[in-house]
């Protein structure tokens, strides 16, 4: 199944959930925010949030520096 993540198509397993996708694209344990179809999904809900074909997902990682 194809989802759109950060503007690019990504292939995911048919029964993948949001936690699966985040783990696939980021090794970060903290500092990540995710929105699906313009709605922020709390971290505690990632593993219970199924992905659907064509879903628009934005994965944002906090960065600091100066």
PDB file of N, CA and C in Angstrom:
ATOM      1  N   UNK A   1       0.857  -1.160   0.000  1.00  0.00           N
ATOM      2  CA  UNK A   1       0.000   0.000   0.000  1.00  0.00           C
ATOM      3  C   UNK A   1       0.907   1.228   0.000  1.00  0.00           C
ATOM      4  N   UNK A   2       0.467   2.283  -0.655  1.00  0.00           N
ATOM      5  CA  UNK A   2       1.242   3.517  -0.771  1.00  0.00           C
ATOM      6  C   UNK A   2       0.644   4.596   0.128  1.00  0.00           C
ATOM      7  N   UNK A   3       1.511   5.245   0.915  1.00  0.00           N
ATOM      8  CA  UNK A   3       1.134   6.434   1.697  1.00  0.00           C
ATOM      9  C   UNK A   3       2.052   7.572   1.262  1.00  0.00           C
ATOM     10  N   UNK A   4       1.652   8.784   1.546  1.00  0.00           N
ATOM     11  CA  UNK A   4       2.456   9.956   1.228  1.00  0.00           C
ATOM     12  C   UNK A   4       3.046  10.469   2.537  1.00  0.00           C
ATOM     13  N   UNK A   5       4.364  10.349   2.673  1.00  0.00           N
ATOM     14  CA  UNK A   5       5.015  10.804   3.892  1.00  0.00           C
ATOM     15  C   UNK A   5       5.981  11.929   3.547  1.00  0.00           C
ATOM     16  N   UNK A   6       5.765  13.066   4.200  1.00  0.00           N
ATOM     17  CA  UNK A   6       6.599  14.249   3.974  1.00  0.00           C
ATOM     18  C   UNK A   6       6.717  14.563   2.480  1.00  0.00           C
ATOM     19  N   UNK A   7       5.600  14.348   1.759  1.00  0.00           N
ATOM     20  CA  UNK A   7       5.531  14.708   0.352  1.00  0.00           C
ATOM     21  C   UNK A   7       6.008  13.645  -0.626  1.00  0.00           C
ATOM     22  N   UNK A   8       6.460  12.505  -0.131  1.00  0.00           N
ATOM     23  CA  UNK A   8       6.961  11.442  -1.000  1.00  0.00           C
ATOM     24  C   UNK A   8       6.189  10.155  -0.771  1.00  0.00           C
ATOM     25  N   UNK A   9       6.012   9.377  -1.837  1.00  0.00           N
ATOM     26  CA  UNK A   9       5.331   8.091  -1.728  1.00  0.00           C
ATOM     27  C   UNK A   9       6.224   7.076  -1.024  1.00  0.00           C
ATOM     28  N   UNK A  10       5.606   6.308  -0.132  1.00  0.00           N
ATOM     29  CA  UNK A  10       6.297   5.229   0.572  1.00  0.00           C
ATOM     30  C   UNK A  10       5.419   3.995   0.536  1.00  0.00           C
ATOM     31  N   UNK A  11       6.044   2.860   0.297  1.00  0.00           N
ATOM     32  CA  UNK A  11       5.350   1.579   0.326  1.00  0.00           C
ATOM     33  C   UNK A  11       5.345   1.066   1.760  1.00  0.00           C
ATOM     34  N   UNK A  12       4.176   0.684   2.261  1.00  0.00           N
ATOM     35  CA  UNK A  12       4.066   0.102   3.606  1.00  0.00           C
ATOM     36  C   UNK A  12       3.259  -1.181   3.520  1.00  0.00           C
ATOM     37  N   UNK A  13       3.430  -2.043   4.484  1.00  0.00           N
ATOM     38  CA  UNK A  13       2.679  -3.297   4.540  1.00  0.00           C
ATOM     39  C   UNK A  13       1.190  -2.992   4.701  1.00  0.00           C
ATOM     40  N   UNK A  14       0.339  -3.842   4.171  1.00  0.00           N
ATOM     41  CA  UNK A  14      -1.111  -3.591   4.227  1.00  0.00           C
ATOM     42  C   UNK A  14      -1.668  -3.380   5.636  1.00  0.00           C
ATOM     43  N   UNK A  15      -1.098  -4.011   6.638  1.00  0.00           N
ATOM     44  CA  UNK A  15      -1.619  -3.863   8.006  1.00  0.00           C
ATOM     45  C   UNK A  15      -0.695  -3.016   8.879  1.00  0.00           C
ATOM     46  N   UNK A  16       0.119  -2.187   8.255  1.00  0.00           N
ATOM     47  CA  UNK A  16       1.060  -1.357   9.009  1.00  0.00           C
ATOM     48  C   UNK A  16       0.324  -0.306   9.826  1.00  0.00           C
ATOM     49  N   UNK A  17       0.932   0.046  10.955  1.00  0.00           N
ATOM     50  CA  UNK A  17       0.375   1.134  11.746  1.00  0.00           C
ATOM     51  C   UNK A  17       1.386   2.279  11.771  1.00  0.00           C
ATOM     52  N   UNK A  18       1.010   3.358  12.385  1.00  0.00           N
ATOM     53  CA  UNK A  18       1.843   4.551  12.395  1.00  0.00           C
ATOM     54  C   UNK A  18       3.178   4.301  13.092  1.00  0.00           C
ATOM     55  N   UNK A  19       3.196   3.532  14.158  1.00  0.00           N
ATOM     56  CA  UNK A  19       4.446   3.221  14.868  1.00  0.00           C
ATOM     57  C   UNK A  19       5.412   2.473  13.955  1.00  0.00           C
ATOM     58  N   UNK A  20       4.899   1.562  13.122  1.00  0.00           N
ATOM     59  CA  UNK A  20       5.737   0.822  12.180  1.00  0.00           C
ATOM     60  C   UNK A  20       6.433   1.784  11.217  1.00  0.00           C
ATOM     61  N   UNK A  21       5.674   2.724  10.682  1.00  0.00           N
ATOM     62  CA  UNK A  21       6.219   3.673   9.721  1.00  0.00           C
ATOM     63  C   UNK A  21       7.274   4.575  10.361  1.00  0.00           C
ATOM     64  N   UNK A  22       6.979   5.099  11.547  1.00  0.00           N
ATOM     65  CA  UNK A  22       7.936   5.984  12.223  1.00  0.00           C
ATOM     66  C   UNK A  22       9.222   5.229  12.517  1.00  0.00           C
ATOM     67  N   UNK A  23       9.128   3.995  12.961  1.00  0.00           N
ATOM     68  CA  UNK A  23      10.323   3.197  13.248  1.00  0.00           C
ATOM     69  C   UNK A  23      11.134   2.950  11.978  1.00  0.00           C
ATOM     70  N   UNK A  24      10.447   2.807  10.857  1.00  0.00           N
ATOM     71  CA  UNK A  24      11.113   2.551   9.577  1.00  0.00           C
ATOM     72  C   UNK A  24      11.918   3.760   9.097  1.00  0.00           C
ATOM     73  N   UNK A  25      11.431   4.953   9.384  1.00  0.00           N
ATOM     74  CA  UNK A  25      12.066   6.155   8.827  1.00  0.00           C
ATOM     75  C   UNK A  25      12.894   6.959   9.828  1.00  0.00           C
ATOM     76  N   UNK A  26      12.770   6.664  11.106  1.00  0.00           N
ATOM     77  CA  UNK A  26      13.509   7.444  12.094  1.00  0.00           C
ATOM     78  C   UNK A  26      13.990   6.548  13.228  1.00  0.00           C
ATOM     79  N   UNK A  27      15.239   6.718  13.578  1.00  0.00           N
ATOM     80  CA  UNK A  27      15.783   5.987  14.713  1.00  0.00           C
ATOM     81  C   UNK A  27      15.652   6.762  16.008  1.00  0.00           C
ATOM     82  N   UNK A  28      15.111   7.968  15.936  1.00  0.00           N
ATOM     83  CA  UNK A  28      14.994   8.815  17.122  1.00  0.00           C
ATOM     84  C   UNK A  28      13.946   8.259  18.084  1.00  0.00           C
ATOM     85  N   UNK A  29      14.270   8.286  19.359  1.00  0.00           N
ATOM     86  CA  UNK A  29      13.345   7.826  20.395  1.00  0.00           C
ATOM     87  C   UNK A  29      12.438   8.953  20.896  1.00  0.00           C
ATOM     88  N   UNK A  30      12.936  10.188  20.809  1.00  0.00           N
ATOM     89  CA  UNK A  30      12.177  11.337  21.297  1.00  0.00           C
ATOM     90  C   UNK A  30      12.275  12.471  20.278  1.00  0.00           C
ATOM     91  N   UNK A  31      11.503  13.515  20.515  1.00  0.00           N
ATOM     92  CA  UNK A  31      11.576  14.692  19.666  1.00  0.00           C
ATOM     93  C   UNK A  31      10.908  14.524  18.320  1.00  0.00           C
ATOM     94  N   UNK A  32       9.929  13.633  18.233  1.00  0.00           N
ATOM     95  CA  UNK A  32       9.222  13.395  16.974  1.00  0.00           C
ATOM     96  C   UNK A  32       7.753  13.738  17.162  1.00  0.00           C
ATOM     97  N   UNK A  33       7.196  14.424  16.183  1.00  0.00           N
ATOM     98  CA  UNK A  33       5.760  14.689  16.139  1.00  0.00           C
ATOM     99  C   UNK A  33       5.243  14.156  14.811  1.00  0.00           C
ATOM    100  N   UNK A  34       4.025  13.609  14.836  1.00  0.00           N
ATOM    101  CA  UNK A  34       3.461  13.014  13.626  1.00  0.00           C
ATOM    102  C   UNK A  34       2.025  13.480  13.446  1.00  0.00           C
ATOM    103  N   UNK A  35       1.691  13.806  12.200  1.00  0.00           N
ATOM    104  CA  UNK A  35       0.316  14.148  11.843  1.00  0.00           C
ATOM    105  C   UNK A  35      -0.116  13.249  10.695  1.00  0.00           C
ATOM    106  N   UNK A  36      -1.354  12.795  10.753  1.00  0.00           N
ATOM    107  CA  UNK A  36      -1.942  11.999   9.677  1.00  0.00           C
ATOM    108  C   UNK A  36      -3.138  12.768   9.154  1.00  0.00           C
ATOM    109  N   UNK A  37      -3.113  13.051   7.860  1.00  0.00           N
ATOM    110  CA  UNK A  37      -4.192  13.816   7.229  1.00  0.00           C
ATOM    111  C   UNK A  37      -4.493  15.094   8.012  1.00  0.00           C
ATOM    112  N   UNK A  38      -3.429  15.817   8.359  1.00  0.00           N
ATOM    113  CA  UNK A  38      -3.495  17.123   9.025  1.00  0.00           C
ATOM    114  C   UNK A  38      -3.950  17.076  10.479  1.00  0.00           C
ATOM    115  N   UNK A  39      -3.973  15.905  11.106  1.00  0.00           N
ATOM    116  CA  UNK A  39      -4.326  15.787  12.517  1.00  0.00           C
ATOM    117  C   UNK A  39      -3.151  15.194  13.287  1.00  0.00           C
ATOM    118  N   UNK A  40      -2.693  15.902  14.327  1.00  0.00           N
ATOM    119  CA  UNK A  40      -1.594  15.402  15.149  1.00  0.00           C
ATOM    120  C   UNK A  40      -2.054  14.146  15.880  1.00  0.00           C
ATOM    121  N   UNK A  41      -1.182  13.131  15.872  1.00  0.00           N
ATOM    122  CA  UNK A  41      -1.485  11.873  16.558  1.00  0.00           C
ATOM    123  C   UNK A  41      -0.548  11.765  17.755  1.00  0.00           C
ATOM    124  N   UNK A  42      -1.097  11.675  18.967  1.00  0.00           N
ATOM    125  CA  UNK A  42      -0.252  11.543  20.161  1.00  0.00           C
ATOM    126  C   UNK A  42       0.579  10.258  20.101  1.00  0.00           C
ATOM    127  N   UNK A  43       1.784  10.312  20.624  1.00  0.00           N
ATOM    128  CA  UNK A  43       2.690   9.159  20.586  1.00  0.00           C
ATOM    129  C   UNK A  43       2.031   7.892  21.132  1.00  0.00           C
ATOM    130  N   UNK A  44       1.258   8.000  22.202  1.00  0.00           N
ATOM    131  CA  UNK A  44       0.656   6.798  22.787  1.00  0.00           C
ATOM    132  C   UNK A  44      -0.361   6.136  21.850  1.00  0.00           C
ATOM    133  N   UNK A  45      -0.764   6.815  20.790  1.00  0.00           N
ATOM    134  CA  UNK A  45      -1.728   6.250  19.837  1.00  0.00           C
ATOM    135  C   UNK A  45      -1.081   5.726  18.560  1.00  0.00           C
ATOM    136  N   UNK A  46       0.219   5.897  18.392  1.00  0.00           N
ATOM    137  CA  UNK A  46       0.867   5.485  17.148  1.00  0.00           C
ATOM    138  C   UNK A  46       0.658   4.008  16.842  1.00  0.00           C
ATOM    139  N   UNK A  47       0.796   3.152  17.834  1.00  0.00           N
ATOM    140  CA  UNK A  47       0.701   1.708  17.577  1.00  0.00           C
ATOM    141  C   UNK A  47      -0.721   1.246  17.302  1.00  0.00           C
ATOM    142  N   UNK A  48      -1.696   2.072  17.616  1.00  0.00           N
ATOM    143  CA  UNK A  48      -3.090   1.698  17.358  1.00  0.00           C
ATOM    144  C   UNK A  48      -3.706   2.513  16.220  1.00  0.00           C
ATOM    145  N   UNK A  49      -2.868   3.281  15.517  1.00  0.00           N
ATOM    146  CA  UNK A  49      -3.352   4.087  14.400  1.00  0.00           C
ATOM    147  C   UNK A  49      -3.005   3.371  13.095  1.00  0.00           C
ATOM    148  N   UNK A  50      -4.004   2.751  12.443  1.00  0.00           N
ATOM    149  CA  UNK A  50      -3.720   2.048  11.191  1.00  0.00           C
ATOM    150  C   UNK A  50      -3.466   3.045  10.062  1.00  0.00           C
ATOM    151  N   UNK A  51      -2.699   2.615   9.087  1.00  0.00           N
ATOM    152  CA  UNK A  51      -2.452   3.438   7.907  1.00  0.00           C
ATOM    153  C   UNK A  51      -3.401   2.998   6.791  1.00  0.00           C
ATOM    154  N   UNK A  52      -3.822   3.949   5.999  1.00  0.00           N
ATOM    155  CA  UNK A  52      -4.697   3.649   4.864  1.00  0.00           C
ATOM    156  C   UNK A  52      -4.021   4.139   3.589  1.00  0.00           C
ATOM    157  N   UNK A  53      -4.353   3.511   2.497  1.00  0.00           N
ATOM    158  CA  UNK A  53      -3.772   3.899   1.208  1.00  0.00           C
ATOM    159  C   UNK A  53      -4.031   5.375   0.942  1.00  0.00           C
ATOM    160  N   UNK A  54      -2.987   6.071   0.546  1.00  0.00           N
ATOM    161  CA  UNK A  54      -3.109   7.487   0.215  1.00  0.00           C
ATOM    162  C   UNK A  54      -3.062   8.431   1.398  1.00  0.00           C
ATOM    163  N   UNK A  55      -2.910   7.899   2.618  1.00  0.00           N
ATOM    164  CA  UNK A  55      -2.840   8.767   3.803  1.00  0.00           C
ATOM    165  C   UNK A  55      -1.679   9.737   3.654  1.00  0.00           C
ATOM    166  N   UNK A  56      -1.890  10.971   4.098  1.00  0.00           N
ATOM    167  CA  UNK A  56      -0.847  12.003   4.077  1.00  0.00           C
ATOM    168  C   UNK A  56      -0.258  12.098   5.480  1.00  0.00           C
ATOM    169  N   UNK A  57       1.004  11.760   5.601  1.00  0.00           N
ATOM    170  CA  UNK A  57       1.657  11.693   6.899  1.00  0.00           C
ATOM    171  C   UNK A  57       2.832  12.666   6.922  1.00  0.00           C
ATOM    172  N   UNK A  58       2.914  13.431   7.986  1.00  0.00           N
ATOM    173  CA  UNK A  58       4.042  14.339   8.189  1.00  0.00           C
ATOM    174  C   UNK A  58       4.758  13.898   9.447  1.00  0.00           C
ATOM    175  N   UNK A  59       6.050  13.597   9.320  1.00  0.00           N
ATOM    176  CA  UNK A  59       6.882  13.218  10.453  1.00  0.00           C
ATOM    177  C   UNK A  59       7.889  14.348  10.653  1.00  0.00           C
ATOM    178  N   UNK A  60       7.822  14.970  11.812  1.00  0.00           N
ATOM    179  CA  UNK A  60       8.693  16.104  12.118  1.00  0.00           C
ATOM    180  C   UNK A  60       9.615  15.744  13.275  1.00  0.00           C
ATOM    181  N   UNK A  61      10.887  16.081  13.123  1.00  0.00           N
ATOM    182  CA  UNK A  61      11.865  15.828  14.168  1.00  0.00           C
ATOM    183  C   UNK A  61      12.388  17.154  14.698  1.00  0.00           C
ATOM    184  N   UNK A  62      12.360  17.285  16.015  1.00  0.00           N
ATOM    185  CA  UNK A  62      12.871  18.507  16.652  1.00  0.00           C
ATOM    186  C   UNK A  62      14.390  18.534  16.523  1.00  0.00           C
ATOM    187  N   UNK A  63      14.899  19.704  16.174  1.00  0.00           N
ATOM    188  CA  UNK A  63      16.333  19.903  16.028  1.00  0.00           C
ATOM    189  C   UNK A  63      16.695  21.178  16.769  1.00  0.00           C
ATOM    190  N   UNK A  64      17.796  21.166  17.481  1.00  0.00           N
ATOM    191  CA  UNK A  64      18.222  22.390  18.144  1.00  0.00           C
ATOM    192  C   UNK A  64      19.671  22.656  17.795  1.00  0.00           C
ATOM    193  N   UNK A  65      20.031  23.853  17.942  1.00  0.00           N
ATOM    194  CA  UNK A  65      21.392  24.238  17.631  1.00  0.00           C
ATOM    195  C   UNK A  65      21.469  25.758  17.525  1.00  0.00           C
ATOM    196  N   UNK A  66      22.580  26.209  17.112  1.00  0.00           N
ATOM    197  CA  UNK A  66      22.682  27.653  17.042  1.00  0.00           C
ATOM    198  C   UNK A  66      23.659  28.121  16.021  1.00  0.00           C
TER     199      UNK A  66
END
